[in-house]
Amino acid sequence: MDLEHYEIEKLDERTYRFFSTGSKGKFEMRVKFTYIWQNIFNLGFGVLDPETEALDDLIELRNGDSRKILATVANTVLLFLEIFPSVRVYATGSTRSRTRLYQMGVNKILPLLSDYTVAGYRSKSGRYEHTGGAILSRHGQWCDIELGVEYDAFLIYKA
């Protein structure tokens, strides 16, 4: 993709790092792909806590580079799918507002993803927040992404 993004460093086969640099300083960010089930990997990313080595996916940096961060994460997903072309990457925000932010990012780059299938999950009975992330209702469905439709989660894979 030709969107401005940070340089990505591969730490191991499922973990990547980059640095957010902006008005609030320089922060180490990590992108991690965690196996869920049947060739599906969860996309996790956030600021690295240097003391615990944990990812904080709830922090709001307000570093003035959110578009560049999202473009970097998107590039990392595509890199991961190039290395592992038979997997699917699942993503949802840690909060409903973050999921909306990710959806805006997906909508922006959707025309650039012609080699990929991007699906959105729509819950029929609603979504509720849960400490540690969003929980999806079992009463929903996956469908092709449409502009103007709100989704609870996303799945991307090579077409």
N, C-alpha and C. Protein backbone atom coordinates (compact mmCIF):
# COMPACT_ATOMS: atom_id res chain seq x y z
N MET A 1 0.84 -1.18 0.00
CA MET A 1 0.00 0.00 0.00
C MET A 1 0.88 1.24 0.00
N ASP A 2 0.39 2.28 -0.61
CA ASP A 2 1.16 3.50 -0.72
C ASP A 2 0.78 4.55 0.30
N LEU A 3 0.23 4.14 1.44
CA LEU A 3 -0.09 5.09 2.50
C LEU A 3 1.15 5.30 3.36
N GLU A 4 1.31 6.52 3.85
CA GLU A 4 2.46 6.80 4.71
C GLU A 4 2.35 5.96 5.97
N HIS A 5 3.45 5.24 6.27
CA HIS A 5 3.46 4.37 7.45
C HIS A 5 4.86 4.35 8.05
N TYR A 6 4.93 3.84 9.27
CA TYR A 6 6.22 3.71 9.95
C TYR A 6 6.95 2.46 9.45
N GLU A 7 8.27 2.46 9.65
CA GLU A 7 9.07 1.29 9.34
C GLU A 7 8.70 0.17 10.32
N ILE A 8 8.51 -1.03 9.78
CA ILE A 8 8.08 -2.18 10.57
C ILE A 8 9.26 -3.12 10.75
N GLU A 9 9.45 -3.58 11.99
CA GLU A 9 10.50 -4.55 12.29
C GLU A 9 9.84 -5.85 12.74
N LYS A 10 10.22 -6.95 12.12
CA LYS A 10 9.69 -8.27 12.49
C LYS A 10 10.52 -8.81 13.65
N LEU A 11 9.87 -9.07 14.80
CA LEU A 11 10.57 -9.59 15.97
C LEU A 11 10.57 -11.11 16.00
N ASP A 12 9.47 -11.71 15.60
CA ASP A 12 9.37 -13.16 15.41
C ASP A 12 8.27 -13.39 14.40
N GLU A 13 7.88 -14.65 14.17
CA GLU A 13 6.95 -14.90 13.07
C GLU A 13 5.56 -14.32 13.28
N ARG A 14 5.22 -13.93 14.51
CA ARG A 14 3.90 -13.37 14.78
C ARG A 14 3.93 -12.01 15.47
N THR A 15 5.09 -11.44 15.68
CA THR A 15 5.20 -10.18 16.42
C THR A 15 6.03 -9.17 15.64
N TYR A 16 5.52 -7.95 15.56
CA TYR A 16 6.18 -6.87 14.82
C TYR A 16 6.22 -5.63 15.71
N ARG A 17 7.14 -4.74 15.38
CA ARG A 17 7.24 -3.51 16.16
C ARG A 17 7.48 -2.33 15.25
N PHE A 18 7.02 -1.18 15.73
CA PHE A 18 7.31 0.10 15.10
C PHE A 18 7.23 1.16 16.18
N PHE A 19 7.65 2.37 15.84
CA PHE A 19 7.66 3.45 16.82
C PHE A 19 6.78 4.60 16.34
N SER A 20 5.86 5.00 17.19
CA SER A 20 5.03 6.18 16.95
C SER A 20 5.84 7.40 17.40
N THR A 21 6.00 8.36 16.51
CA THR A 21 6.74 9.56 16.84
C THR A 21 5.86 10.76 16.54
N GLY A 22 5.62 11.57 17.56
CA GLY A 22 4.74 12.71 17.35
C GLY A 22 4.88 13.75 18.44
N SER A 23 3.83 14.52 18.63
CA SER A 23 3.85 15.66 19.54
C SER A 23 4.05 15.27 21.01
N LYS A 24 3.71 14.05 21.38
CA LYS A 24 3.85 13.59 22.78
C LYS A 24 5.11 12.77 23.01
N GLY A 25 5.88 12.54 21.94
CA GLY A 25 7.11 11.78 22.10
C GLY A 25 7.18 10.56 21.21
N LYS A 26 8.04 9.62 21.59
CA LYS A 26 8.26 8.40 20.83
C LYS A 26 7.80 7.22 21.67
N PHE A 27 6.94 6.37 21.08
CA PHE A 27 6.37 5.23 21.79
C PHE A 27 6.58 3.96 20.99
N GLU A 28 7.02 2.91 21.67
CA GLU A 28 7.15 1.62 21.01
C GLU A 28 5.78 0.97 20.91
N MET A 29 5.43 0.58 19.69
CA MET A 29 4.16 -0.08 19.42
C MET A 29 4.47 -1.51 18.98
N ARG A 30 3.58 -2.41 19.32
CA ARG A 30 3.72 -3.79 18.87
C ARG A 30 2.44 -4.25 18.20
N VAL A 31 2.61 -5.09 17.21
CA VAL A 31 1.51 -5.76 16.53
C VAL A 31 1.74 -7.25 16.74
N LYS A 32 0.72 -7.94 17.24
CA LYS A 32 0.88 -9.35 17.55
C LYS A 32 -0.30 -10.13 16.98
N PHE A 33 0.01 -11.25 16.34
CA PHE A 33 -1.00 -12.13 15.78
C PHE A 33 -1.07 -13.38 16.65
N THR A 34 -2.24 -13.62 17.23
CA THR A 34 -2.43 -14.74 18.15
C THR A 34 -3.39 -15.75 17.54
N TYR A 35 -2.97 -17.00 17.52
CA TYR A 35 -3.82 -18.05 16.96
C TYR A 35 -5.09 -18.17 17.78
N ILE A 36 -6.24 -18.23 17.08
CA ILE A 36 -7.53 -18.39 17.74
C ILE A 36 -8.05 -19.81 17.52
N TRP A 37 -8.25 -20.13 16.20
CA TRP A 37 -8.93 -21.38 15.88
C TRP A 37 -8.95 -21.56 14.37
N GLN A 38 -8.73 -22.75 13.90
CA GLN A 38 -8.83 -23.12 12.48
C GLN A 38 -8.25 -22.08 11.52
N ASN A 39 -6.97 -21.80 11.67
CA ASN A 39 -6.27 -20.89 10.77
C ASN A 39 -6.72 -19.43 10.87
N ILE A 40 -7.34 -19.07 11.98
CA ILE A 40 -7.74 -17.68 12.22
C ILE A 40 -6.84 -17.12 13.31
N PHE A 41 -6.29 -15.92 13.04
CA PHE A 41 -5.42 -15.25 13.99
C PHE A 41 -6.03 -13.91 14.39
N ASN A 42 -5.96 -13.61 15.68
CA ASN A 42 -6.44 -12.34 16.19
C ASN A 42 -5.34 -11.29 16.01
N LEU A 43 -5.74 -10.12 15.54
CA LEU A 43 -4.82 -8.99 15.42
C LEU A 43 -4.88 -8.20 16.71
N GLY A 44 -3.76 -8.07 17.37
CA GLY A 44 -3.66 -7.24 18.56
C GLY A 44 -2.57 -6.22 18.36
N PHE A 45 -2.80 -5.00 18.79
CA PHE A 45 -1.72 -4.02 18.74
C PHE A 45 -1.93 -2.97 19.82
N GLY A 46 -0.84 -2.35 20.20
CA GLY A 46 -0.92 -1.32 21.21
C GLY A 46 0.47 -0.84 21.58
N VAL A 47 0.49 0.01 22.58
CA VAL A 47 1.74 0.56 23.10
C VAL A 47 2.36 -0.47 24.03
N LEU A 48 3.66 -0.69 23.88
CA LEU A 48 4.36 -1.64 24.74
C LEU A 48 4.67 -0.99 26.08
N ASP A 49 4.28 -1.65 27.17
CA ASP A 49 4.66 -1.23 28.52
C ASP A 49 6.05 -1.78 28.76
N PRO A 50 7.08 -0.91 28.87
CA PRO A 50 8.46 -1.40 28.97
C PRO A 50 8.73 -2.23 30.23
N GLU A 51 7.94 -2.02 31.29
CA GLU A 51 8.17 -2.77 32.52
C GLU A 51 7.58 -4.16 32.48
N THR A 52 6.37 -4.29 31.94
CA THR A 52 5.68 -5.59 31.95
C THR A 52 5.77 -6.32 30.61
N GLU A 53 6.20 -5.62 29.56
CA GLU A 53 6.23 -6.18 28.20
C GLU A 53 4.82 -6.48 27.68
N ALA A 54 3.80 -5.93 28.34
CA ALA A 54 2.42 -6.14 27.90
C ALA A 54 2.02 -5.04 26.92
N LEU A 55 1.06 -5.35 26.05
CA LEU A 55 0.53 -4.36 25.13
C LEU A 55 -0.66 -3.67 25.78
N ASP A 56 -0.67 -2.36 25.73
CA ASP A 56 -1.80 -1.58 26.23
C ASP A 56 -2.61 -1.15 25.02
N ASP A 57 -3.76 -1.80 24.81
CA ASP A 57 -4.59 -1.46 23.66
C ASP A 57 -5.72 -0.49 24.02
N LEU A 58 -5.67 0.06 25.23
CA LEU A 58 -6.69 1.03 25.65
C LEU A 58 -6.15 2.45 25.72
N ILE A 59 -4.83 2.59 25.73
CA ILE A 59 -4.23 3.92 25.85
C ILE A 59 -4.53 4.76 24.60
N GLU A 60 -4.75 6.04 24.81
CA GLU A 60 -4.93 6.98 23.70
C GLU A 60 -3.71 7.88 23.69
N LEU A 61 -2.83 7.66 22.73
CA LEU A 61 -1.59 8.42 22.67
C LEU A 61 -1.82 9.90 22.37
N ARG A 62 -2.74 10.18 21.44
CA ARG A 62 -2.95 11.55 20.97
C ARG A 62 -1.62 12.18 20.56
N ASN A 63 -0.86 11.40 19.78
CA ASN A 63 0.47 11.78 19.33
C ASN A 63 0.44 12.45 17.96
N GLY A 64 -0.77 12.64 17.43
CA GLY A 64 -0.91 13.32 16.14
C GLY A 64 -0.60 12.46 14.94
N ASP A 65 -0.52 11.13 15.13
CA ASP A 65 -0.13 10.26 14.02
C ASP A 65 -1.06 9.05 13.89
N SER A 66 -2.31 9.17 14.29
CA SER A 66 -3.21 8.01 14.29
C SER A 66 -3.38 7.40 12.90
N ARG A 67 -3.46 8.23 11.87
CA ARG A 67 -3.58 7.69 10.51
C ARG A 67 -2.34 6.89 10.11
N LYS A 68 -1.19 7.41 10.49
CA LYS A 68 0.06 6.72 10.17
C LYS A 68 0.16 5.41 10.95
N ILE A 69 -0.32 5.40 12.20
CA ILE A 69 -0.33 4.18 13.00
C ILE A 69 -1.24 3.14 12.36
N LEU A 70 -2.46 3.55 11.99
CA LEU A 70 -3.40 2.61 11.36
C LEU A 70 -2.86 2.09 10.04
N ALA A 71 -2.22 2.95 9.26
CA ALA A 71 -1.62 2.50 7.99
C ALA A 71 -0.49 1.50 8.26
N THR A 72 0.26 1.71 9.32
CA THR A 72 1.34 0.79 9.67
C THR A 72 0.78 -0.57 10.08
N VAL A 73 -0.27 -0.55 10.90
CA VAL A 73 -0.90 -1.80 11.31
C VAL A 73 -1.46 -2.52 10.08
N ALA A 74 -2.12 -1.79 9.19
CA ALA A 74 -2.66 -2.39 7.96
C ALA A 74 -1.54 -3.02 7.14
N ASN A 75 -0.42 -2.33 7.01
CA ASN A 75 0.72 -2.89 6.27
C ASN A 75 1.26 -4.14 6.95
N THR A 76 1.22 -4.17 8.27
CA THR A 76 1.68 -5.34 9.00
C THR A 76 0.76 -6.53 8.74
N VAL A 77 -0.54 -6.28 8.69
CA VAL A 77 -1.50 -7.35 8.37
C VAL A 77 -1.20 -7.92 6.98
N LEU A 78 -0.98 -7.05 6.01
CA LEU A 78 -0.70 -7.52 4.65
C LEU A 78 0.62 -8.28 4.58
N LEU A 79 1.61 -7.83 5.33
CA LEU A 79 2.89 -8.54 5.41
C LEU A 79 2.68 -9.93 6.00
N PHE A 80 1.91 -10.02 7.08
CA PHE A 80 1.62 -11.29 7.72
C PHE A 80 0.90 -12.23 6.75
N LEU A 81 -0.05 -11.68 5.99
CA LEU A 81 -0.79 -12.50 5.02
C LEU A 81 0.07 -12.92 3.83
N GLU A 82 1.10 -12.16 3.51
CA GLU A 82 2.03 -12.57 2.46
C GLU A 82 2.87 -13.75 2.94
N ILE A 83 3.25 -13.73 4.20
CA ILE A 83 4.06 -14.81 4.77
C ILE A 83 3.21 -16.05 5.00
N PHE A 84 1.96 -15.85 5.44
CA PHE A 84 1.03 -16.95 5.73
C PHE A 84 -0.24 -16.76 4.90
N PRO A 85 -0.19 -17.08 3.61
CA PRO A 85 -1.32 -16.78 2.71
C PRO A 85 -2.59 -17.58 2.96
N SER A 86 -2.53 -18.64 3.75
CA SER A 86 -3.73 -19.44 3.98
C SER A 86 -4.47 -19.09 5.27
N VAL A 87 -4.00 -18.08 5.99
CA VAL A 87 -4.65 -17.72 7.26
C VAL A 87 -5.64 -16.58 7.06
N ARG A 88 -6.46 -16.40 8.07
CA ARG A 88 -7.40 -15.27 8.12
C ARG A 88 -7.07 -14.46 9.37
N VAL A 89 -7.16 -13.15 9.24
CA VAL A 89 -6.88 -12.27 10.37
C VAL A 89 -8.18 -11.64 10.84
N TYR A 90 -8.47 -11.83 12.13
CA TYR A 90 -9.66 -11.30 12.79
C TYR A 90 -9.27 -10.04 13.56
N ALA A 91 -10.09 -9.01 13.46
CA ALA A 91 -9.79 -7.77 14.18
C ALA A 91 -11.07 -7.12 14.69
N THR A 92 -10.99 -6.61 15.89
CA THR A 92 -12.04 -5.77 16.46
C THR A 92 -11.36 -4.83 17.44
N GLY A 93 -11.99 -3.72 17.72
CA GLY A 93 -11.42 -2.77 18.65
C GLY A 93 -11.63 -3.19 20.09
N SER A 94 -10.80 -2.66 20.98
CA SER A 94 -10.96 -2.95 22.40
C SER A 94 -12.17 -2.21 22.97
N THR A 95 -12.66 -1.24 22.24
CA THR A 95 -13.89 -0.51 22.60
C THR A 95 -14.69 -0.30 21.32
N ARG A 96 -15.95 0.04 21.47
CA ARG A 96 -16.81 0.27 20.31
C ARG A 96 -16.29 1.44 19.47
N SER A 97 -15.81 2.50 20.13
CA SER A 97 -15.30 3.65 19.37
C SER A 97 -14.04 3.29 18.59
N ARG A 98 -13.22 2.41 19.14
CA ARG A 98 -12.03 1.97 18.40
C ARG A 98 -12.42 1.13 17.19
N THR A 99 -13.44 0.30 17.34
CA THR A 99 -13.90 -0.49 16.21
C THR A 99 -14.40 0.43 15.10
N ARG A 100 -15.09 1.50 15.46
CA ARG A 100 -15.54 2.47 14.45
C ARG A 100 -14.34 3.13 13.77
N LEU A 101 -13.32 3.46 14.55
CA LEU A 101 -12.10 4.05 13.99
C LEU A 101 -11.45 3.08 13.00
N TYR A 102 -11.37 1.81 13.37
CA TYR A 102 -10.78 0.82 12.47
C TYR A 102 -11.62 0.68 11.21
N GLN A 103 -12.94 0.75 11.38
CA GLN A 103 -13.80 0.65 10.20
C GLN A 103 -13.56 1.80 9.24
N MET A 104 -13.37 3.00 9.77
CA MET A 104 -13.07 4.14 8.89
C MET A 104 -11.77 3.89 8.13
N GLY A 105 -10.79 3.31 8.82
CA GLY A 105 -9.53 2.99 8.17
C GLY A 105 -9.70 1.92 7.10
N VAL A 106 -10.49 0.89 7.40
CA VAL A 106 -10.75 -0.18 6.42
C VAL A 106 -11.46 0.41 5.21
N ASN A 107 -12.47 1.24 5.45
CA ASN A 107 -13.21 1.85 4.34
C ASN A 107 -12.29 2.66 3.43
N LYS A 108 -11.32 3.34 4.04
CA LYS A 108 -10.41 4.19 3.27
C LYS A 108 -9.50 3.37 2.35
N ILE A 109 -9.05 2.21 2.84
CA ILE A 109 -8.10 1.42 2.05
C ILE A 109 -8.75 0.28 1.27
N LEU A 110 -10.06 0.09 1.43
CA LEU A 110 -10.75 -1.01 0.76
C LEU A 110 -10.46 -1.09 -0.74
N PRO A 111 -10.44 0.04 -1.46
CA PRO A 111 -10.13 -0.04 -2.91
C PRO A 111 -8.74 -0.58 -3.21
N LEU A 112 -7.83 -0.52 -2.23
CA LEU A 112 -6.46 -0.99 -2.43
C LEU A 112 -6.31 -2.48 -2.12
N LEU A 113 -7.39 -3.12 -1.67
CA LEU A 113 -7.31 -4.49 -1.20
C LEU A 113 -7.95 -5.49 -2.18
N SER A 114 -7.76 -5.27 -3.46
CA SER A 114 -8.42 -6.12 -4.47
C SER A 114 -7.94 -7.58 -4.41
N ASP A 115 -6.77 -7.84 -3.87
CA ASP A 115 -6.27 -9.21 -3.77
C ASP A 115 -6.73 -9.91 -2.49
N TYR A 116 -7.57 -9.24 -1.71
CA TYR A 116 -8.00 -9.76 -0.42
C TYR A 116 -9.52 -9.75 -0.31
N THR A 117 -10.03 -10.60 0.55
CA THR A 117 -11.44 -10.57 0.91
C THR A 117 -11.52 -9.93 2.29
N VAL A 118 -12.41 -8.96 2.44
CA VAL A 118 -12.62 -8.30 3.72
C VAL A 118 -14.08 -8.48 4.08
N ALA A 119 -14.32 -9.13 5.22
CA ALA A 119 -15.68 -9.37 5.69
C ALA A 119 -15.90 -8.61 6.99
N GLY A 120 -17.15 -8.25 7.22
CA GLY A 120 -17.53 -7.59 8.46
C GLY A 120 -18.54 -8.43 9.20
N TYR A 121 -18.48 -8.40 10.52
CA TYR A 121 -19.42 -9.16 11.34
C TYR A 121 -20.46 -8.20 11.89
N ARG A 122 -21.73 -8.54 11.67
CA ARG A 122 -22.84 -7.73 12.18
C ARG A 122 -23.64 -8.56 13.16
N SER A 123 -23.69 -8.09 14.38
CA SER A 123 -24.46 -8.77 15.41
C SER A 123 -25.92 -8.36 15.29
N LYS A 124 -26.82 -9.34 15.34
CA LYS A 124 -28.26 -9.05 15.25
C LYS A 124 -28.83 -8.61 16.58
N SER A 125 -28.22 -9.06 17.68
CA SER A 125 -28.78 -8.73 18.99
C SER A 125 -27.93 -7.74 19.76
N GLY A 126 -26.97 -7.13 19.09
CA GLY A 126 -26.15 -6.12 19.75
C GLY A 126 -24.82 -6.65 20.22
N ARG A 127 -24.04 -5.76 20.70
CA ARG A 127 -22.69 -6.04 21.15
C ARG A 127 -22.56 -5.45 22.54
N TYR A 128 -21.83 -6.07 23.38
CA TYR A 128 -21.61 -5.49 24.69
C TYR A 128 -20.13 -5.48 25.01
N GLU A 129 -19.74 -4.53 25.82
CA GLU A 129 -18.33 -4.39 26.17
C GLU A 129 -18.00 -5.31 27.34
N HIS A 130 -16.77 -5.76 27.37
CA HIS A 130 -16.31 -6.68 28.39
C HIS A 130 -14.86 -6.31 28.67
N THR A 131 -14.46 -6.33 29.92
CA THR A 131 -13.08 -6.03 30.25
C THR A 131 -12.15 -6.94 29.44
N GLY A 132 -11.21 -6.33 28.79
CA GLY A 132 -10.27 -7.09 27.98
C GLY A 132 -10.68 -7.19 26.54
N GLY A 133 -11.75 -6.54 26.15
CA GLY A 133 -12.13 -6.56 24.75
C GLY A 133 -13.61 -6.73 24.55
N ALA A 134 -14.01 -6.68 23.34
CA ALA A 134 -15.43 -6.77 23.00
C ALA A 134 -15.82 -8.22 22.80
N ILE A 135 -17.00 -8.55 23.22
CA ILE A 135 -17.54 -9.89 23.04
C ILE A 135 -18.63 -9.80 21.98
N LEU A 136 -18.59 -10.70 21.01
CA LEU A 136 -19.59 -10.69 19.95
C LEU A 136 -20.72 -11.64 20.30
N SER A 137 -21.91 -11.23 19.98
CA SER A 137 -23.08 -12.08 20.14
C SER A 137 -22.97 -13.27 19.20
N ARG A 138 -23.58 -14.39 19.55
CA ARG A 138 -23.60 -15.55 18.66
C ARG A 138 -24.66 -15.40 17.59
N HIS A 139 -25.46 -14.37 17.70
CA HIS A 139 -26.56 -14.15 16.76
C HIS A 139 -26.17 -13.05 15.78
N GLY A 140 -25.35 -13.39 14.84
CA GLY A 140 -24.89 -12.42 13.86
C GLY A 140 -24.43 -13.14 12.61
N GLN A 141 -23.83 -12.37 11.71
CA GLN A 141 -23.37 -12.99 10.47
C GLN A 141 -22.20 -12.21 9.89
N TRP A 142 -21.38 -12.91 9.12
CA TRP A 142 -20.30 -12.32 8.37
C TRP A 142 -20.82 -11.98 6.98
N CYS A 143 -20.43 -10.82 6.46
CA CYS A 143 -20.83 -10.43 5.11
C CYS A 143 -19.74 -9.54 4.51
N ASP A 144 -19.79 -9.37 3.20
CA ASP A 144 -18.84 -8.48 2.54
C ASP A 144 -19.03 -7.07 3.08
N ILE A 145 -17.94 -6.34 3.21
CA ILE A 145 -17.98 -4.97 3.72
C ILE A 145 -18.74 -4.07 2.76
N GLU A 146 -19.61 -3.26 3.31
CA GLU A 146 -20.32 -2.24 2.55
C GLU A 146 -20.09 -0.90 3.23
N LEU A 147 -19.87 0.13 2.44
CA LEU A 147 -19.71 1.46 3.00
C LEU A 147 -21.02 1.89 3.66
N GLY A 148 -20.92 2.58 4.79
CA GLY A 148 -22.09 3.08 5.49
C GLY A 148 -22.75 2.09 6.43
N VAL A 149 -22.20 0.87 6.54
CA VAL A 149 -22.75 -0.14 7.43
C VAL A 149 -21.78 -0.31 8.59
N GLU A 150 -22.31 -0.36 9.82
CA GLU A 150 -21.45 -0.51 11.00
C GLU A 150 -21.24 -1.99 11.31
N TYR A 151 -19.99 -2.36 11.56
CA TYR A 151 -19.63 -3.74 11.86
C TYR A 151 -19.02 -3.84 13.26
N ASP A 152 -19.09 -5.04 13.81
CA ASP A 152 -18.55 -5.30 15.14
C ASP A 152 -17.14 -5.89 15.10
N ALA A 153 -16.78 -6.48 13.96
CA ALA A 153 -15.46 -7.10 13.81
C ALA A 153 -15.19 -7.25 12.32
N PHE A 154 -13.93 -7.59 12.01
CA PHE A 154 -13.50 -7.70 10.62
C PHE A 154 -12.67 -8.95 10.44
N LEU A 155 -12.69 -9.48 9.24
CA LEU A 155 -11.89 -10.63 8.87
C LEU A 155 -11.30 -10.34 7.50
N ILE A 156 -9.98 -10.53 7.38
CA ILE A 156 -9.32 -10.29 6.10
C ILE A 156 -8.49 -11.51 5.75
N TYR A 157 -8.51 -11.87 4.48
CA TYR A 157 -7.74 -13.00 4.00
C TYR A 157 -7.50 -12.86 2.51
N LYS A 158 -6.52 -13.62 2.00
CA LYS A 158 -6.19 -13.57 0.57
C LYS A 158 -7.34 -14.15 -0.22
N ALA A 159 -7.69 -13.45 -1.28
CA ALA A 159 -8.82 -13.89 -2.13
C ALA A 159 -8.46 -15.10 -2.94
